[in-house]
Amino acid sequence: MHDHCPACELLFEREQGYFVGAIYVNYAATVGITIVGFLLLDHYTALSVTTQISLWSVFGVAFPLFFFRYSRSLWLSVEYLFNPEAPGLPSVR
């Protein structure tokens, strides 16, 4: 990951442990999709519970690996929305 945005100089890496919130975003997205997906498949298909648990277990391991980059971006966006950088802060370069 880059240290700062090449276009606007926004500092990405704030302090140690800053992106722990991104882990929560990733976890919430994974759990939400898994539960809703399980309930929808259970209602609309004839898959057994064992098959569905196997399917959603694989999803629960693979999806967070794919989505972690996007969860970091979402976390940074939420931070910037609620705590925007002041224009007079020192530049990274």
N, C-alpha and C. Protein backbone atom coordinates (compact mmCIF):
# COMPACT_ATOMS: atom_id res chain seq x y z
N MET A 1 0.85 -1.18 0.00
CA MET A 1 0.00 0.00 0.00
C MET A 1 0.90 1.24 0.00
N HIS A 2 0.50 2.23 -0.75
CA HIS A 2 1.25 3.47 -0.81
C HIS A 2 1.13 4.23 0.52
N ASP A 3 2.15 5.02 0.84
CA ASP A 3 2.12 5.83 2.07
C ASP A 3 1.15 6.99 1.97
N HIS A 4 0.98 7.53 0.76
CA HIS A 4 0.10 8.68 0.56
C HIS A 4 -0.50 8.62 -0.84
N CYS A 5 -1.55 9.40 -1.06
CA CYS A 5 -2.22 9.46 -2.35
C CYS A 5 -1.36 10.28 -3.31
N PRO A 6 -1.08 9.75 -4.50
CA PRO A 6 -0.26 10.51 -5.44
C PRO A 6 -0.98 11.75 -5.99
N ALA A 7 -2.29 11.79 -5.94
CA ALA A 7 -3.04 12.92 -6.50
C ALA A 7 -3.23 14.05 -5.48
N CYS A 8 -3.63 13.71 -4.26
CA CYS A 8 -3.99 14.76 -3.30
C CYS A 8 -3.10 14.79 -2.06
N GLU A 9 -2.11 13.91 -1.99
CA GLU A 9 -1.16 13.86 -0.87
C GLU A 9 -1.80 13.42 0.46
N LEU A 10 -2.99 12.81 0.44
CA LEU A 10 -3.62 12.32 1.67
C LEU A 10 -2.77 11.20 2.25
N LEU A 11 -2.44 11.32 3.51
CA LEU A 11 -1.62 10.32 4.19
C LEU A 11 -2.49 9.12 4.53
N PHE A 12 -2.11 7.94 4.00
CA PHE A 12 -2.90 6.73 4.22
C PHE A 12 -2.56 6.08 5.55
N GLU A 13 -1.30 5.88 5.81
CA GLU A 13 -0.86 5.17 7.01
C GLU A 13 -0.75 6.17 8.16
N ARG A 14 -1.72 6.16 9.06
CA ARG A 14 -1.78 7.16 10.12
C ARG A 14 -0.90 6.79 11.31
N GLU A 15 -1.21 5.73 12.01
CA GLU A 15 -0.41 5.29 13.15
C GLU A 15 -0.55 3.78 13.28
N GLN A 16 0.23 3.20 14.15
CA GLN A 16 0.21 1.76 14.35
C GLN A 16 -1.18 1.33 14.80
N GLY A 17 -1.76 0.34 14.16
CA GLY A 17 -3.06 -0.17 14.53
C GLY A 17 -4.24 0.61 13.97
N TYR A 18 -3.97 1.55 13.07
CA TYR A 18 -5.04 2.40 12.53
C TYR A 18 -6.08 1.57 11.78
N PHE A 19 -5.64 0.56 11.06
CA PHE A 19 -6.57 -0.20 10.21
C PHE A 19 -7.20 -1.39 10.91
N VAL A 20 -7.19 -1.42 12.24
CA VAL A 20 -7.90 -2.48 12.96
C VAL A 20 -9.41 -2.38 12.66
N GLY A 21 -9.90 -1.18 12.49
CA GLY A 21 -11.31 -0.99 12.14
C GLY A 21 -11.65 -1.63 10.80
N ALA A 22 -10.68 -1.69 9.89
CA ALA A 22 -10.92 -2.33 8.59
C ALA A 22 -11.17 -3.82 8.78
N ILE A 23 -10.58 -4.40 9.79
CA ILE A 23 -10.82 -5.82 10.08
C ILE A 23 -12.28 -6.00 10.51
N TYR A 24 -12.80 -5.07 11.29
CA TYR A 24 -14.21 -5.14 11.69
C TYR A 24 -15.14 -4.97 10.50
N VAL A 25 -14.79 -4.07 9.60
CA VAL A 25 -15.59 -3.88 8.38
C VAL A 25 -15.58 -5.16 7.56
N ASN A 26 -14.42 -5.75 7.41
CA ASN A 26 -14.29 -6.99 6.66
C ASN A 26 -15.10 -8.12 7.30
N TYR A 27 -15.00 -8.23 8.61
CA TYR A 27 -15.74 -9.26 9.34
C TYR A 27 -17.26 -9.06 9.20
N ALA A 28 -17.71 -7.81 9.36
CA ALA A 28 -19.14 -7.53 9.26
C ALA A 28 -19.67 -7.85 7.86
N ALA A 29 -18.92 -7.49 6.83
CA ALA A 29 -19.36 -7.79 5.46
C ALA A 29 -19.41 -9.30 5.23
N THR A 30 -18.42 -10.01 5.70
CA THR A 30 -18.38 -11.47 5.52
C THR A 30 -19.53 -12.15 6.25
N VAL A 31 -19.75 -11.77 7.48
CA VAL A 31 -20.84 -12.39 8.27
C VAL A 31 -22.20 -12.03 7.67
N GLY A 32 -22.37 -10.78 7.29
CA GLY A 32 -23.65 -10.35 6.71
C GLY A 32 -23.98 -11.10 5.43
N ILE A 33 -23.02 -11.17 4.53
CA ILE A 33 -23.26 -11.88 3.27
C ILE A 33 -23.47 -13.37 3.51
N THR A 34 -22.72 -13.95 4.43
CA THR A 34 -22.85 -15.37 4.71
C THR A 34 -24.22 -15.71 5.30
N ILE A 35 -24.67 -14.94 6.25
CA ILE A 35 -25.97 -15.23 6.87
C ILE A 35 -27.11 -15.01 5.89
N VAL A 36 -27.10 -13.88 5.20
CA VAL A 36 -28.18 -13.62 4.23
C VAL A 36 -28.14 -14.66 3.11
N GLY A 37 -26.94 -14.97 2.62
CA GLY A 37 -26.82 -15.99 1.57
C GLY A 37 -27.31 -17.35 2.01
N PHE A 38 -26.96 -17.73 3.23
CA PHE A 38 -27.42 -19.02 3.77
C PHE A 38 -28.95 -19.06 3.84
N LEU A 39 -29.53 -17.99 4.37
CA LEU A 39 -30.99 -17.96 4.51
C LEU A 39 -31.69 -17.97 3.15
N LEU A 40 -31.15 -17.23 2.19
CA LEU A 40 -31.75 -17.22 0.85
C LEU A 40 -31.63 -18.58 0.16
N LEU A 41 -30.45 -19.19 0.24
CA LEU A 41 -30.29 -20.52 -0.36
C LEU A 41 -31.16 -21.55 0.35
N ASP A 42 -31.29 -21.44 1.64
CA ASP A 42 -32.13 -22.37 2.39
C ASP A 42 -33.59 -22.24 1.99
N HIS A 43 -34.01 -21.03 1.72
CA HIS A 43 -35.41 -20.79 1.36
C HIS A 43 -35.71 -21.16 -0.09
N TYR A 44 -34.80 -20.87 -1.02
CA TYR A 44 -35.10 -21.02 -2.44
C TYR A 44 -34.50 -22.26 -3.10
N THR A 45 -33.66 -23.01 -2.41
CA THR A 45 -33.10 -24.22 -3.02
C THR A 45 -33.34 -25.42 -2.11
N ALA A 46 -33.03 -26.58 -2.65
CA ALA A 46 -33.21 -27.83 -1.88
C ALA A 46 -31.87 -28.37 -1.39
N LEU A 47 -30.87 -27.50 -1.25
CA LEU A 47 -29.57 -27.96 -0.76
C LEU A 47 -29.67 -28.37 0.71
N SER A 48 -28.94 -29.41 1.06
CA SER A 48 -28.95 -29.84 2.46
C SER A 48 -28.16 -28.85 3.30
N VAL A 49 -28.40 -28.88 4.59
CA VAL A 49 -27.70 -27.98 5.51
C VAL A 49 -26.20 -28.27 5.49
N THR A 50 -25.82 -29.53 5.39
CA THR A 50 -24.40 -29.89 5.35
C THR A 50 -23.72 -29.30 4.12
N THR A 51 -24.39 -29.38 2.98
CA THR A 51 -23.84 -28.80 1.74
C THR A 51 -23.70 -27.29 1.87
N GLN A 52 -24.72 -26.67 2.44
CA GLN A 52 -24.66 -25.21 2.59
C GLN A 52 -23.58 -24.78 3.57
N ILE A 53 -23.43 -25.50 4.66
CA ILE A 53 -22.38 -25.16 5.63
C ILE A 53 -21.01 -25.30 4.97
N SER A 54 -20.83 -26.33 4.17
CA SER A 54 -19.56 -26.50 3.46
C SER A 54 -19.33 -25.35 2.49
N LEU A 55 -20.35 -25.00 1.73
CA LEU A 55 -20.26 -23.92 0.76
C LEU A 55 -19.95 -22.59 1.43
N TRP A 56 -20.67 -22.26 2.48
CA TRP A 56 -20.49 -20.98 3.15
C TRP A 56 -19.23 -20.94 4.00
N SER A 57 -18.72 -22.09 4.41
CA SER A 57 -17.44 -22.12 5.11
C SER A 57 -16.30 -21.75 4.17
N VAL A 58 -16.34 -22.28 2.96
CA VAL A 58 -15.33 -21.92 1.95
C VAL A 58 -15.44 -20.42 1.64
N PHE A 59 -16.66 -19.93 1.49
CA PHE A 59 -16.86 -18.51 1.24
C PHE A 59 -16.32 -17.67 2.40
N GLY A 60 -16.58 -18.12 3.63
CA GLY A 60 -16.15 -17.38 4.81
C GLY A 60 -14.64 -17.30 4.97
N VAL A 61 -13.91 -18.20 4.32
CA VAL A 61 -12.46 -18.13 4.34
C VAL A 61 -11.93 -17.33 3.14
N ALA A 62 -12.52 -17.52 1.97
CA ALA A 62 -12.02 -16.89 0.75
C ALA A 62 -12.41 -15.42 0.63
N PHE A 63 -13.63 -15.06 1.00
CA PHE A 63 -14.09 -13.69 0.80
C PHE A 63 -13.28 -12.65 1.58
N PRO A 64 -12.96 -12.87 2.85
CA PRO A 64 -12.17 -11.85 3.55
C PRO A 64 -10.79 -11.61 2.94
N LEU A 65 -10.21 -12.64 2.36
CA LEU A 65 -8.92 -12.47 1.71
C LEU A 65 -9.05 -11.56 0.49
N PHE A 66 -10.13 -11.72 -0.25
CA PHE A 66 -10.39 -10.87 -1.42
C PHE A 66 -10.80 -9.46 -1.00
N PHE A 67 -11.61 -9.33 0.02
CA PHE A 67 -12.25 -8.06 0.37
C PHE A 67 -11.41 -7.17 1.28
N PHE A 68 -10.31 -7.67 1.84
CA PHE A 68 -9.56 -6.89 2.82
C PHE A 68 -9.04 -5.58 2.26
N ARG A 69 -8.58 -5.58 1.04
CA ARG A 69 -8.10 -4.34 0.41
C ARG A 69 -9.22 -3.31 0.35
N TYR A 70 -10.41 -3.74 0.01
CA TYR A 70 -11.55 -2.82 -0.10
C TYR A 70 -12.04 -2.37 1.27
N SER A 71 -11.92 -3.24 2.27
CA SER A 71 -12.33 -2.83 3.61
C SER A 71 -11.39 -1.76 4.16
N ARG A 72 -10.11 -1.84 3.83
CA ARG A 72 -9.17 -0.77 4.22
C ARG A 72 -9.56 0.54 3.56
N SER A 73 -9.93 0.48 2.30
CA SER A 73 -10.35 1.68 1.59
C SER A 73 -11.63 2.26 2.18
N LEU A 74 -12.58 1.40 2.52
CA LEU A 74 -13.82 1.87 3.15
C LEU A 74 -13.54 2.50 4.50
N TRP A 75 -12.66 1.90 5.28
CA TRP A 75 -12.30 2.43 6.59
C TRP A 75 -11.66 3.80 6.47
N LEU A 76 -10.76 3.95 5.52
CA LEU A 76 -10.11 5.23 5.29
C LEU A 76 -11.12 6.27 4.81
N SER A 77 -12.08 5.87 3.99
CA SER A 77 -13.12 6.79 3.50
C SER A 77 -14.01 7.27 4.63
N VAL A 78 -14.39 6.38 5.52
CA VAL A 78 -15.22 6.76 6.67
C VAL A 78 -14.46 7.73 7.57
N GLU A 79 -13.17 7.44 7.79
CA GLU A 79 -12.34 8.33 8.60
C GLU A 79 -12.24 9.71 7.97
N TYR A 80 -12.04 9.76 6.67
CA TYR A 80 -11.92 11.04 5.97
C TYR A 80 -13.25 11.79 5.98
N LEU A 81 -14.36 11.05 5.91
CA LEU A 81 -15.68 11.68 5.95
C LEU A 81 -15.93 12.37 7.29
N PHE A 82 -15.57 11.71 8.38
CA PHE A 82 -15.84 12.26 9.71
C PHE A 82 -14.70 13.11 10.27
N ASN A 83 -13.50 12.96 9.73
CA ASN A 83 -12.35 13.70 10.24
C ASN A 83 -11.46 14.11 9.06
N PRO A 84 -11.90 15.06 8.24
CA PRO A 84 -11.12 15.42 7.06
C PRO A 84 -9.80 16.09 7.43
N GLU A 85 -8.83 15.90 6.57
CA GLU A 85 -7.51 16.51 6.77
C GLU A 85 -7.62 18.03 6.59
N ALA A 86 -6.97 18.75 7.44
CA ALA A 86 -6.93 20.21 7.30
C ALA A 86 -6.02 20.58 6.14
N PRO A 87 -6.37 21.62 5.36
CA PRO A 87 -5.56 21.95 4.20
C PRO A 87 -4.15 22.43 4.53
N GLY A 88 -3.88 22.89 5.75
CA GLY A 88 -2.58 23.42 6.09
C GLY A 88 -1.62 22.42 6.69
N LEU A 89 -1.97 21.12 6.72
CA LEU A 89 -1.10 20.12 7.32
C LEU A 89 0.16 19.94 6.45
N PRO A 90 1.27 19.59 7.08
CA PRO A 90 2.51 19.44 6.31
C PRO A 90 2.40 18.32 5.28
N SER A 91 3.05 18.51 4.15
CA SER A 91 3.02 17.55 3.07
C SER A 91 3.93 16.38 3.39
N VAL A 92 3.66 15.24 2.78
CA VAL A 92 4.45 14.04 3.00
C VAL A 92 5.80 14.19 2.31
N ARG A 93 5.85 14.81 1.17
CA ARG A 93 7.08 14.95 0.39
C ARG A 93 7.97 16.01 0.93
